[in-house]
Amino acid sequence: TALLAEHLRLTKAWRNPAFALIAVGGLLLPVFVYLAPRFGYF
């Protein structure tokens, strides 16, 4: 996604939040997946 940044017809107001969503979700999901079988369905 980062390598395609030059090809995005997005202003910073759209691009930066989109990248942030990908980064935050991508970082948190493996952590929560690891915790799920140990601490429950939450």
PDB file of all heavy atoms in Angstrom:
ATOM      1  N   THR A   1       0.840  -1.206   0.000  1.00  0.00           N
ATOM      2  CA  THR A   1       0.000   0.000   0.000  1.00  0.00           C
ATOM      3  C   THR A   1       0.868   1.246   0.000  1.00  0.00           C
ATOM      4  O   THR A   1       0.589   2.219  -0.722  1.00  0.00           O
ATOM      5  CB  THR A   1      -0.927   0.001   1.222  1.00  0.00           C
ATOM      6  OG1 THR A   1      -1.741  -1.178   1.219  1.00  0.00           O
ATOM      7  CG2 THR A   1      -1.840   1.224   1.202  1.00  0.00           C
ATOM      8  N   ALA A   2       1.933   1.241   0.794  1.00  0.00           N
ATOM      9  CA  ALA A   2       2.823   2.403   0.843  1.00  0.00           C
ATOM     10  C   ALA A   2       3.505   2.640  -0.500  1.00  0.00           C
ATOM     11  O   ALA A   2       3.673   3.787  -0.930  1.00  0.00           O
ATOM     12  CB  ALA A   2       3.876   2.204   1.937  1.00  0.00           C
ATOM     13  N   LEU A   3       3.893   1.567  -1.186  1.00  0.00           N
ATOM     14  CA  LEU A   3       4.549   1.714  -2.478  1.00  0.00           C
ATOM     15  C   LEU A   3       3.612   2.282  -3.549  1.00  0.00           C
ATOM     16  O   LEU A   3       4.073   2.763  -4.585  1.00  0.00           O
ATOM     17  CB  LEU A   3       5.105   0.363  -2.942  1.00  0.00           C
ATOM     18  CG  LEU A   3       6.286  -0.177  -2.133  1.00  0.00           C
ATOM     19  CD1 LEU A   3       6.650  -1.578  -2.585  1.00  0.00           C
ATOM     20  CD2 LEU A   3       7.489   0.743  -2.250  1.00  0.00           C
ATOM     21  N   LEU A   4       2.318   2.233  -3.290  1.00  0.00           N
ATOM     22  CA  LEU A   4       1.345   2.777  -4.232  1.00  0.00           C
ATOM     23  C   LEU A   4       0.901   4.185  -3.868  1.00  0.00           C
ATOM     24  O   LEU A   4      -0.002   4.733  -4.507  1.00  0.00           O
ATOM     25  CB  LEU A   4       0.111   1.857  -4.287  1.00  0.00           C
ATOM     26  CG  LEU A   4       0.327   0.502  -4.957  1.00  0.00           C
ATOM     27  CD1 LEU A   4      -0.885  -0.389  -4.726  1.00  0.00           C
ATOM     28  CD2 LEU A   4       0.565   0.693  -6.443  1.00  0.00           C
ATOM     29  N   ALA A   5       1.523   4.774  -2.847  1.00  0.00           N
ATOM     30  CA  ALA A   5       1.061   6.075  -2.363  1.00  0.00           C
ATOM     31  C   ALA A   5       1.068   7.137  -3.451  1.00  0.00           C
ATOM     32  O   ALA A   5       0.191   8.010  -3.494  1.00  0.00           O
ATOM     33  CB  ALA A   5       1.930   6.531  -1.174  1.00  0.00           C
ATOM     34  N   GLU A   6       2.064   7.090  -4.356  1.00  0.00           N
ATOM     35  CA  GLU A   6       2.147   8.114  -5.406  1.00  0.00           C
ATOM     36  C   GLU A   6       1.008   7.999  -6.411  1.00  0.00           C
ATOM     37  O   GLU A   6       0.752   8.931  -7.172  1.00  0.00           O
ATOM     38  CB  GLU A   6       3.477   8.002  -6.173  1.00  0.00           C
ATOM     39  CG  GLU A   6       4.714   8.017  -5.301  1.00  0.00           C
ATOM     40  CD  GLU A   6       5.332   6.631  -5.233  1.00  0.00           C
ATOM     41  OE1 GLU A   6       4.559   5.649  -5.120  1.00  0.00           O
ATOM     42  OE2 GLU A   6       6.563   6.524  -5.285  1.00  0.00           O
ATOM     43  N   HIS A   7       0.353   6.855  -6.443  1.00  0.00           N
ATOM     44  CA  HIS A   7      -0.692   6.623  -7.437  1.00  0.00           C
ATOM     45  C   HIS A   7      -2.093   6.810  -6.852  1.00  0.00           C
ATOM     46  O   HIS A   7      -3.072   6.425  -7.488  1.00  0.00           O
ATOM     47  CB  HIS A   7      -0.571   5.216  -8.008  1.00  0.00           C
ATOM     48  CG  HIS A   7       0.691   4.993  -8.779  1.00  0.00           C
ATOM     49  ND1 HIS A   7       0.915   5.522 -10.036  1.00  0.00           N
ATOM     50  CD2 HIS A   7       1.827   4.311  -8.464  1.00  0.00           C
ATOM     51  CE1 HIS A   7       2.114   5.172 -10.462  1.00  0.00           C
ATOM     52  NE2 HIS A   7       2.678   4.425  -9.527  1.00  0.00           N
ATOM     53  N   LEU A   8      -2.195   7.383  -5.676  1.00  0.00           N
ATOM     54  CA  LEU A   8      -3.498   7.568  -5.049  1.00  0.00           C
ATOM     55  C   LEU A   8      -4.001   8.987  -5.280  1.00  0.00           C
ATOM     56  O   LEU A   8      -3.295   9.958  -4.990  1.00  0.00           O
ATOM     57  CB  LEU A   8      -3.417   7.278  -3.546  1.00  0.00           C
ATOM     58  CG  LEU A   8      -3.054   5.845  -3.154  1.00  0.00           C
ATOM     59  CD1 LEU A   8      -3.012   5.700  -1.639  1.00  0.00           C
ATOM     60  CD2 LEU A   8      -4.033   4.858  -3.749  1.00  0.00           C
ATOM     61  N   ARG A   9      -5.190   9.079  -5.777  1.00  0.00           N
ATOM     62  CA  ARG A   9      -5.823  10.366  -5.986  1.00  0.00           C
ATOM     63  C   ARG A   9      -6.578  10.738  -4.704  1.00  0.00           C
ATOM     64  O   ARG A   9      -7.802  10.836  -4.663  1.00  0.00           O
ATOM     65  CB  ARG A   9      -6.786  10.284  -7.188  1.00  0.00           C
ATOM     66  CG  ARG A   9      -7.326  11.612  -7.669  1.00  0.00           C
ATOM     67  CD  ARG A   9      -8.190  11.447  -8.911  1.00  0.00           C
ATOM     68  NE  ARG A   9      -9.351  10.598  -8.673  1.00  0.00           N
ATOM     69  CZ  ARG A   9      -9.484   9.359  -9.106  1.00  0.00           C
ATOM     70  NH1 ARG A   9      -8.506   8.780  -9.790  1.00  0.00           N
ATOM     71  NH2 ARG A   9     -10.569   8.655  -8.848  1.00  0.00           N
ATOM     72  N   LEU A  10      -5.788  10.909  -3.640  1.00  0.00           N
ATOM     73  CA  LEU A  10      -6.350  11.196  -2.330  1.00  0.00           C
ATOM     74  C   LEU A  10      -5.607  12.362  -1.695  1.00  0.00           C
ATOM     75  O   LEU A  10      -4.373  12.435  -1.776  1.00  0.00           O
ATOM     76  CB  LEU A  10      -6.238   9.977  -1.401  1.00  0.00           C
ATOM     77  CG  LEU A  10      -7.017   8.712  -1.776  1.00  0.00           C
ATOM     78  CD1 LEU A  10      -6.614   7.566  -0.855  1.00  0.00           C
ATOM     79  CD2 LEU A  10      -8.511   8.958  -1.688  1.00  0.00           C
ATOM     80  N   THR A  11      -6.331  13.250  -1.059  1.00  0.00           N
ATOM     81  CA  THR A  11      -5.681  14.299  -0.276  1.00  0.00           C
ATOM     82  C   THR A  11      -5.192  13.702   1.041  1.00  0.00           C
ATOM     83  O   THR A  11      -5.569  12.583   1.414  1.00  0.00           O
ATOM     84  CB  THR A  11      -6.665  15.442   0.015  1.00  0.00           C
ATOM     85  OG1 THR A  11      -7.724  14.942   0.832  1.00  0.00           O
ATOM     86  CG2 THR A  11      -7.228  16.029  -1.278  1.00  0.00           C
ATOM     87  N   LYS A  12      -4.370  14.470   1.747  1.00  0.00           N
ATOM     88  CA  LYS A  12      -3.878  13.984   3.034  1.00  0.00           C
ATOM     89  C   LYS A  12      -5.021  13.691   3.994  1.00  0.00           C
ATOM     90  O   LYS A  12      -4.923  12.785   4.837  1.00  0.00           O
ATOM     91  CB  LYS A  12      -2.931  15.018   3.654  1.00  0.00           C
ATOM     92  CG  LYS A  12      -1.583  15.122   2.962  1.00  0.00           C
ATOM     93  CD  LYS A  12      -0.702  16.124   3.688  1.00  0.00           C
ATOM     94  CE  LYS A  12       0.673  16.227   3.023  1.00  0.00           C
ATOM     95  NZ  LYS A  12       1.556  17.198   3.718  1.00  0.00           N
ATOM     96  N   ALA A  13      -6.097  14.452   3.888  1.00  0.00           N
ATOM     97  CA  ALA A  13      -7.234  14.274   4.790  1.00  0.00           C
ATOM     98  C   ALA A  13      -7.882  12.898   4.620  1.00  0.00           C
ATOM     99  O   ALA A  13      -8.526  12.392   5.548  1.00  0.00           O
ATOM    100  CB  ALA A  13      -8.270  15.375   4.552  1.00  0.00           C
ATOM    101  N   TRP A  14      -7.713  12.281   3.429  1.00  0.00           N
ATOM    102  CA  TRP A  14      -8.235  10.939   3.199  1.00  0.00           C
ATOM    103  C   TRP A  14      -7.131   9.885   3.279  1.00  0.00           C
ATOM    104  O   TRP A  14      -7.329   8.808   3.845  1.00  0.00           O
ATOM    105  CB  TRP A  14      -8.896  10.862   1.816  1.00  0.00           C
ATOM    106  CG  TRP A  14     -10.262  11.470   1.788  1.00  0.00           C
ATOM    107  CD1 TRP A  14     -10.600  12.731   1.392  1.00  0.00           C
ATOM    108  CD2 TRP A  14     -11.483  10.835   2.183  1.00  0.00           C
ATOM    109  NE1 TRP A  14     -11.942  12.930   1.506  1.00  0.00           N
ATOM    110  CE2 TRP A  14     -12.522  11.773   1.980  1.00  0.00           C
ATOM    111  CE3 TRP A  14     -11.809   9.568   2.662  1.00  0.00           C
ATOM    112  CZ2 TRP A  14     -13.851  11.485   2.269  1.00  0.00           C
ATOM    113  CZ3 TRP A  14     -13.136   9.265   2.944  1.00  0.00           C
ATOM    114  CH2 TRP A  14     -14.132  10.221   2.745  1.00  0.00           C
ATOM    115  N   ARG A  15      -5.965  10.203   2.698  1.00  0.00           N
ATOM    116  CA  ARG A  15      -4.902   9.215   2.622  1.00  0.00           C
ATOM    117  C   ARG A  15      -4.368   8.848   4.005  1.00  0.00           C
ATOM    118  O   ARG A  15      -4.227   7.654   4.328  1.00  0.00           O
ATOM    119  CB  ARG A  15      -3.767   9.743   1.744  1.00  0.00           C
ATOM    120  CG  ARG A  15      -2.652   8.713   1.506  1.00  0.00           C
ATOM    121  CD  ARG A  15      -1.506   9.354   0.751  1.00  0.00           C
ATOM    122  NE  ARG A  15      -0.843  10.364   1.540  1.00  0.00           N
ATOM    123  CZ  ARG A  15      -0.459  11.557   1.088  1.00  0.00           C
ATOM    124  NH1 ARG A  15      -0.696  11.888  -0.168  1.00  0.00           N
ATOM    125  NH2 ARG A  15       0.143  12.425   1.884  1.00  0.00           N
ATOM    126  N   ASN A  16      -4.046   9.829   4.818  1.00  0.00           N
ATOM    127  CA  ASN A  16      -3.443   9.543   6.118  1.00  0.00           C
ATOM    128  C   ASN A  16      -4.364   8.732   7.039  1.00  0.00           C
ATOM    129  O   ASN A  16      -3.917   7.772   7.671  1.00  0.00           O
ATOM    130  CB  ASN A  16      -2.997  10.838   6.793  1.00  0.00           C
ATOM    131  CG  ASN A  16      -1.811  11.469   6.091  1.00  0.00           C
ATOM    132  OD1 ASN A  16      -1.154  10.816   5.284  1.00  0.00           O
ATOM    133  ND2 ASN A  16      -1.537  12.735   6.378  1.00  0.00           N
ATOM    134  N   PRO A  17      -5.664   9.081   7.148  1.00  0.00           N
ATOM    135  CA  PRO A  17      -6.544   8.224   7.960  1.00  0.00           C
ATOM    136  C   PRO A  17      -6.665   6.805   7.408  1.00  0.00           C
ATOM    137  O   PRO A  17      -6.734   5.841   8.181  1.00  0.00           O
ATOM    138  CB  PRO A  17      -7.893   8.961   7.903  1.00  0.00           C
ATOM    139  CG  PRO A  17      -7.543  10.383   7.643  1.00  0.00           C
ATOM    140  CD  PRO A  17      -6.349  10.321   6.743  1.00  0.00           C
ATOM    141  N   ALA A  18      -6.695   6.666   6.059  1.00  0.00           N
ATOM    142  CA  ALA A  18      -6.786   5.323   5.478  1.00  0.00           C
ATOM    143  C   ALA A  18      -5.546   4.506   5.833  1.00  0.00           C
ATOM    144  O   ALA A  18      -5.646   3.336   6.226  1.00  0.00           O
ATOM    145  CB  ALA A  18      -6.940   5.421   3.960  1.00  0.00           C
ATOM    146  N   PHE A  19      -4.370   5.125   5.692  1.00  0.00           N
ATOM    147  CA  PHE A  19      -3.141   4.430   6.068  1.00  0.00           C
ATOM    148  C   PHE A  19      -3.121   4.108   7.557  1.00  0.00           C
ATOM    149  O   PHE A  19      -2.646   3.046   7.970  1.00  0.00           O
ATOM    150  CB  PHE A  19      -1.932   5.288   5.702  1.00  0.00           C
ATOM    151  CG  PHE A  19      -1.600   5.290   4.227  1.00  0.00           C
ATOM    152  CD1 PHE A  19      -2.435   4.681   3.310  1.00  0.00           C
ATOM    153  CD2 PHE A  19      -0.451   5.912   3.760  1.00  0.00           C
ATOM    154  CE1 PHE A  19      -2.143   4.680   1.952  1.00  0.00           C
ATOM    155  CE2 PHE A  19      -0.138   5.920   2.406  1.00  0.00           C
ATOM    156  CZ  PHE A  19      -0.985   5.305   1.501  1.00  0.00           C
ATOM    157  N   ALA A  20      -3.626   5.027   8.374  1.00  0.00           N
ATOM    158  CA  ALA A  20      -3.653   4.793   9.819  1.00  0.00           C
ATOM    159  C   ALA A  20      -4.564   3.622  10.169  1.00  0.00           C
ATOM    160  O   ALA A  20      -4.238   2.802  11.043  1.00  0.00           O
ATOM    161  CB  ALA A  20      -4.112   6.051  10.548  1.00  0.00           C
ATOM    162  N   LEU A  21      -5.713   3.530   9.489  1.00  0.00           N
ATOM    163  CA  LEU A  21      -6.618   2.408   9.742  1.00  0.00           C
ATOM    164  C   LEU A  21      -5.950   1.081   9.400  1.00  0.00           C
ATOM    165  O   LEU A  21      -6.059   0.095  10.152  1.00  0.00           O
ATOM    166  CB  LEU A  21      -7.894   2.572   8.917  1.00  0.00           C
ATOM    167  CG  LEU A  21      -8.884   3.641   9.371  1.00  0.00           C
ATOM    168  CD1 LEU A  21     -10.012   3.777   8.355  1.00  0.00           C
ATOM    169  CD2 LEU A  21      -9.449   3.309  10.744  1.00  0.00           C
ATOM    170  N   ILE A  22      -5.241   1.041   8.267  1.00  0.00           N
ATOM    171  CA  ILE A  22      -4.547  -0.183   7.862  1.00  0.00           C
ATOM    172  C   ILE A  22      -3.461  -0.538   8.874  1.00  0.00           C
ATOM    173  O   ILE A  22      -3.302  -1.708   9.260  1.00  0.00           O
ATOM    174  CB  ILE A  22      -3.955  -0.015   6.456  1.00  0.00           C
ATOM    175  CG1 ILE A  22      -5.080   0.143   5.418  1.00  0.00           C
ATOM    176  CG2 ILE A  22      -3.067  -1.204   6.088  1.00  0.00           C
ATOM    177  CD1 ILE A  22      -4.591   0.518   4.038  1.00  0.00           C
ATOM    178  N   ALA A  23      -2.713   0.481   9.317  1.00  0.00           N
ATOM    179  CA  ALA A  23      -1.612   0.233  10.255  1.00  0.00           C
ATOM    180  C   ALA A  23      -2.140  -0.218  11.623  1.00  0.00           C
ATOM    181  O   ALA A  23      -1.665  -1.219  12.179  1.00  0.00           O
ATOM    182  CB  ALA A  23      -0.760   1.491  10.407  1.00  0.00           C
ATOM    183  N   VAL A  24      -3.127   0.502  12.156  1.00  0.00           N
ATOM    184  CA  VAL A  24      -3.647   0.172  13.483  1.00  0.00           C
ATOM    185  C   VAL A  24      -4.313  -1.206  13.463  1.00  0.00           C
ATOM    186  O   VAL A  24      -4.062  -2.054  14.331  1.00  0.00           O
ATOM    187  CB  VAL A  24      -4.645   1.247  13.957  1.00  0.00           C
ATOM    188  CG1 VAL A  24      -5.353   0.805  15.227  1.00  0.00           C
ATOM    189  CG2 VAL A  24      -3.920   2.564  14.198  1.00  0.00           C
ATOM    190  N   GLY A  25      -5.164  -1.436  12.453  1.00  0.00           N
ATOM    191  CA  GLY A  25      -5.814  -2.740  12.365  1.00  0.00           C
ATOM    192  C   GLY A  25      -4.826  -3.870  12.152  1.00  0.00           C
ATOM    193  O   GLY A  25      -4.931  -4.934  12.778  1.00  0.00           O
ATOM    194  N   GLY A  26      -3.829  -3.649  11.274  1.00  0.00           N
ATOM    195  CA  GLY A  26      -2.838  -4.677  11.005  1.00  0.00           C
ATOM    196  C   GLY A  26      -1.959  -4.996  12.198  1.00  0.00           C
ATOM    197  O   GLY A  26      -1.529  -6.139  12.382  1.00  0.00           O
ATOM    198  N   LEU A  27      -1.676  -4.004  13.031  1.00  0.00           N
ATOM    199  CA  LEU A  27      -0.861  -4.235  14.224  1.00  0.00           C
ATOM    200  C   LEU A  27      -1.655  -4.905  15.338  1.00  0.00           C
ATOM    201  O   LEU A  27      -1.133  -5.755  16.071  1.00  0.00           O
ATOM    202  CB  LEU A  27      -0.289  -2.909  14.727  1.00  0.00           C
ATOM    203  CG  LEU A  27       0.811  -2.271  13.871  1.00  0.00           C
ATOM    204  CD1 LEU A  27       1.099  -0.858  14.351  1.00  0.00           C
ATOM    205  CD2 LEU A  27       2.086  -3.103  13.912  1.00  0.00           C
ATOM    206  N   LEU A  28      -2.929  -4.515  15.491  1.00  0.00           N
ATOM    207  CA  LEU A  28      -3.724  -5.025  16.606  1.00  0.00           C
ATOM    208  C   LEU A  28      -4.275  -6.429  16.354  1.00  0.00           C
ATOM    209  O   LEU A  28      -4.391  -7.215  17.294  1.00  0.00           O
ATOM    210  CB  LEU A  28      -4.885  -4.068  16.900  1.00  0.00           C
ATOM    211  CG  LEU A  28      -4.517  -2.722  17.513  1.00  0.00           C
ATOM    212  CD1 LEU A  28      -5.778  -1.892  17.745  1.00  0.00           C
ATOM    213  CD2 LEU A  28      -3.757  -2.907  18.822  1.00  0.00           C
ATOM    214  N   LEU A  29      -4.629  -6.735  15.098  1.00  0.00           N
ATOM    215  CA  LEU A  29      -5.288  -8.019  14.851  1.00  0.00           C
ATOM    216  C   LEU A  29      -4.438  -9.220  15.282  1.00  0.00           C
ATOM    217  O   LEU A  29      -4.948 -10.112  15.973  1.00  0.00           O
ATOM    218  CB  LEU A  29      -5.682  -8.131  13.375  1.00  0.00           C
ATOM    219  CG  LEU A  29      -6.524  -9.364  13.041  1.00  0.00           C
ATOM    220  CD1 LEU A  29      -7.612  -9.039  12.023  1.00  0.00           C
ATOM    221  CD2 LEU A  29      -5.669 -10.513  12.526  1.00  0.00           C
ATOM    222  N   PRO A  30      -3.145  -9.303  14.918  1.00  0.00           N
ATOM    223  CA  PRO A  30      -2.366 -10.462  15.378  1.00  0.00           C
ATOM    224  C   PRO A  30      -2.284 -10.549  16.898  1.00  0.00           C
ATOM    225  O   PRO A  30      -2.281 -11.652  17.460  1.00  0.00           O
ATOM    226  CB  PRO A  30      -0.975 -10.216  14.765  1.00  0.00           C
ATOM    227  CG  PRO A  30      -1.221  -9.318  13.607  1.00  0.00           C
ATOM    228  CD  PRO A  30      -2.345  -8.430  14.023  1.00  0.00           C
ATOM    229  N   VAL A  31      -2.226  -9.394  17.567  1.00  0.00           N
ATOM    230  CA  VAL A  31      -2.157  -9.398  19.038  1.00  0.00           C
ATOM    231  C   VAL A  31      -3.443  -9.959  19.624  1.00  0.00           C
ATOM    232  O   VAL A  31      -3.427 -10.823  20.524  1.00  0.00           O
ATOM    233  CB  VAL A  31      -1.901  -7.972  19.567  1.00  0.00           C
ATOM    234  CG1 VAL A  31      -1.951  -7.953  21.094  1.00  0.00           C
ATOM    235  CG2 VAL A  31      -0.559  -7.457  19.071  1.00  0.00           C
ATOM    236  N   PHE A  32      -4.582  -9.497  19.125  1.00  0.00           N
ATOM    237  CA  PHE A  32      -5.865  -9.977  19.640  1.00  0.00           C
ATOM    238  C   PHE A  32      -6.091 -11.443  19.288  1.00  0.00           C
ATOM    239  O   PHE A  32      -6.690 -12.191  20.068  1.00  0.00           O
ATOM    240  CB  PHE A  32      -7.004  -9.115  19.102  1.00  0.00           C
ATOM    241  CG  PHE A  32      -7.077  -7.743  19.712  1.00  0.00           C
ATOM    242  CD1 PHE A  32      -7.272  -6.619  18.925  1.00  0.00           C
ATOM    243  CD2 PHE A  32      -6.945  -7.573  21.078  1.00  0.00           C
ATOM    244  CE1 PHE A  32      -7.340  -5.354  19.491  1.00  0.00           C
ATOM    245  CE2 PHE A  32      -7.007  -6.311  21.664  1.00  0.00           C
ATOM    246  CZ  PHE A  32      -7.207  -5.201  20.859  1.00  0.00           C
ATOM    247  N   VAL A  33      -5.642 -11.868  18.109  1.00  0.00           N
ATOM    248  CA  VAL A  33      -5.750 -13.281  17.736  1.00  0.00           C
ATOM    249  C   VAL A  33      -4.956 -14.146  18.718  1.00  0.00           C
ATOM    250  O   VAL A  33      -5.415 -15.218  19.141  1.00  0.00           O
ATOM    251  CB  VAL A  33      -5.254 -13.499  16.294  1.00  0.00           C
ATOM    252  CG1 VAL A  33      -5.052 -14.988  16.006  1.00  0.00           C
ATOM    253  CG2 VAL A  33      -6.252 -12.926  15.291  1.00  0.00           C
ATOM    254  N   TYR A  34      -3.784 -13.688  19.099  1.00  0.00           N
ATOM    255  CA  TYR A  34      -2.959 -14.426  20.064  1.00  0.00           C
ATOM    256  C   TYR A  34      -3.638 -14.503  21.432  1.00  0.00           C
ATOM    257  O   TYR A  34      -3.571 -15.533  22.118  1.00  0.00           O
ATOM    258  CB  TYR A  34      -1.596 -13.744  20.192  1.00  0.00           C
ATOM    259  CG  TYR A  34      -0.682 -14.395  21.201  1.00  0.00           C
ATOM    260  CD1 TYR A  34       0.046 -15.532  20.876  1.00  0.00           C
ATOM    261  CD2 TYR A  34      -0.545 -13.874  22.485  1.00  0.00           C
ATOM    262  CE1 TYR A  34       0.880 -16.143  21.795  1.00  0.00           C
ATOM    263  CE2 TYR A  34       0.284 -14.474  23.419  1.00  0.00           C
ATOM    264  CZ  TYR A  34       0.992 -15.601  23.069  1.00  0.00           C
ATOM    265  OH  TYR A  34       1.808 -16.201  23.994  1.00  0.00           O
ATOM    266  N   LEU A  35      -4.308 -13.419  21.830  1.00  0.00           N
ATOM    267  CA  LEU A  35      -4.923 -13.371  23.161  1.00  0.00           C
ATOM    268  C   LEU A  35      -6.252 -14.111  23.228  1.00  0.00           C
ATOM    269  O   LEU A  35      -6.665 -14.551  24.307  1.00  0.00           O
ATOM    270  CB  LEU A  35      -5.146 -11.909  23.572  1.00  0.00           C
ATOM    271  CG  LEU A  35      -3.892 -11.058  23.769  1.00  0.00           C
ATOM    272  CD1 LEU A  35      -4.277  -9.610  24.053  1.00  0.00           C
ATOM    273  CD2 LEU A  35      -3.026 -11.605  24.894  1.00  0.00           C
ATOM    274  N   ALA A  36      -6.935 -14.272  22.083  1.00  0.00           N
ATOM    275  CA  ALA A  36      -8.294 -14.817  22.085  1.00  0.00           C
ATOM    276  C   ALA A  36      -8.415 -16.189  22.745  1.00  0.00           C
ATOM    277  O   ALA A  36      -9.292 -16.384  23.606  1.00  0.00           O
ATOM    278  CB  ALA A  36      -8.841 -14.851  20.662  1.00  0.00           C
ATOM    279  N   PRO A  37      -7.579 -17.194  22.392  1.00  0.00           N
ATOM    280  CA  PRO A  37      -7.765 -18.514  23.012  1.00  0.00           C
ATOM    281  C   PRO A  37      -7.364 -18.550  24.479  1.00  0.00           C
ATOM    282  O   PRO A  37      -7.689 -19.518  25.175  1.00  0.00           O
ATOM    283  CB  PRO A  37      -6.862 -19.427  22.169  1.00  0.00           C
ATOM    284  CG  PRO A  37      -5.785 -18.530  21.653  1.00  0.00           C
ATOM    285  CD  PRO A  37      -6.465 -17.203  21.414  1.00  0.00           C
ATOM    286  N   ARG A  38      -6.679 -17.529  24.930  1.00  0.00           N
ATOM    287  CA  ARG A  38      -6.213 -17.506  26.316  1.00  0.00           C
ATOM    288  C   ARG A  38      -7.155 -16.748  27.238  1.00  0.00           C
ATOM    289  O   ARG A  38      -7.248 -17.062  28.420  1.00  0.00           O
ATOM    290  CB  ARG A  38      -4.807 -16.877  26.370  1.00  0.00           C
ATOM    291  CG  ARG A  38      -3.761 -17.760  25.705  1.00  0.00           C
ATOM    292  CD  ARG A  38      -2.511 -16.989  25.342  1.00  0.00           C
ATOM    293  NE  ARG A  38      -1.479 -17.886  24.809  1.00  0.00           N
ATOM    294  CZ  ARG A  38      -1.468 -18.339  23.560  1.00  0.00           C
ATOM    295  NH1 ARG A  38      -2.417 -17.967  22.717  1.00  0.00           N
ATOM    296  NH2 ARG A  38      -0.524 -19.159  23.157  1.00  0.00           N
ATOM    297  N   PHE A  39      -7.855 -15.733  26.705  1.00  0.00           N
ATOM    298  CA  PHE A  39      -8.661 -14.877  27.573  1.00  0.00           C
ATOM    299  C   PHE A  39     -10.114 -14.718  27.124  1.00  0.00           C
ATOM    300  O   PHE A  39     -10.847 -13.915  27.694  1.00  0.00           O
ATOM    301  CB  PHE A  39      -8.013 -13.490  27.681  1.00  0.00           C
ATOM    302  CG  PHE A  39      -6.620 -13.531  28.238  1.00  0.00           C
ATOM    303  CD1 PHE A  39      -5.523 -13.343  27.414  1.00  0.00           C
ATOM    304  CD2 PHE A  39      -6.385 -13.778  29.587  1.00  0.00           C
ATOM    305  CE1 PHE A  39      -4.230 -13.388  27.909  1.00  0.00           C
ATOM    306  CE2 PHE A  39      -5.108 -13.830  30.092  1.00  0.00           C
ATOM    307  CZ  PHE A  39      -4.023 -13.632  29.255  1.00  0.00           C
ATOM    308  N   GLY A  40     -10.533 -15.438  26.077  1.00  0.00           N
ATOM    309  CA  GLY A  40     -11.955 -15.462  25.771  1.00  0.00           C
ATOM    310  C   GLY A  40     -12.356 -14.744  24.510  1.00  0.00           C
ATOM    311  O   GLY A  40     -11.553 -14.151  23.790  1.00  0.00           O
ATOM    312  N   TYR A  41     -13.676 -14.800  24.242  1.00  0.00           N
ATOM    313  CA  TYR A  41     -14.244 -14.330  22.988  1.00  0.00           C
ATOM    314  C   TYR A  41     -14.194 -12.812  22.833  1.00  0.00           C
ATOM    315  O   TYR A  41     -14.310 -12.306  21.712  1.00  0.00           O
ATOM    316  CB  TYR A  41     -15.694 -14.805  22.861  1.00  0.00           C
ATOM    317  CG  TYR A  41     -15.815 -16.277  22.561  1.00  0.00           C
ATOM    318  CD1 TYR A  41     -16.661 -17.090  23.310  1.00  0.00           C
ATOM    319  CD2 TYR A  41     -15.083 -16.862  21.535  1.00  0.00           C
ATOM    320  CE1 TYR A  41     -16.766 -18.446  23.033  1.00  0.00           C
ATOM    321  CE2 TYR A  41     -15.174 -18.206  21.251  1.00  0.00           C
ATOM    322  CZ  TYR A  41     -16.028 -18.997  22.003  1.00  0.00           C
ATOM    323  OH  TYR A  41     -16.125 -20.337  21.732  1.00  0.00           O
ATOM    324  N   PHE A  42     -14.061 -12.083  23.926  1.00  0.00           N
ATOM    325  CA  PHE A  42     -13.974 -10.623  23.790  1.00  0.00           C
ATOM    326  C   PHE A  42     -12.797 -10.239  22.901  1.00  0.00           C
ATOM    327  O   PHE A  42     -12.912  -9.348  22.049  1.00  0.00           O
ATOM    328  CB  PHE A  42     -13.825  -9.974  25.173  1.00  0.00           C
ATOM    329  CG  PHE A  42     -13.521  -8.502  25.105  1.00  0.00           C
ATOM    330  CD1 PHE A  42     -14.514  -7.590  24.790  1.00  0.00           C
ATOM    331  CD2 PHE A  42     -12.227  -8.039  25.339  1.00  0.00           C
ATOM    332  CE1 PHE A  42     -14.229  -6.225  24.719  1.00  0.00           C
ATOM    333  CE2 PHE A  42     -11.940  -6.684  25.272  1.00  0.00           C
ATOM    334  CZ  PHE A  42     -12.947  -5.776  24.965  1.00  0.00           C
TER     335      PHE A  42
END
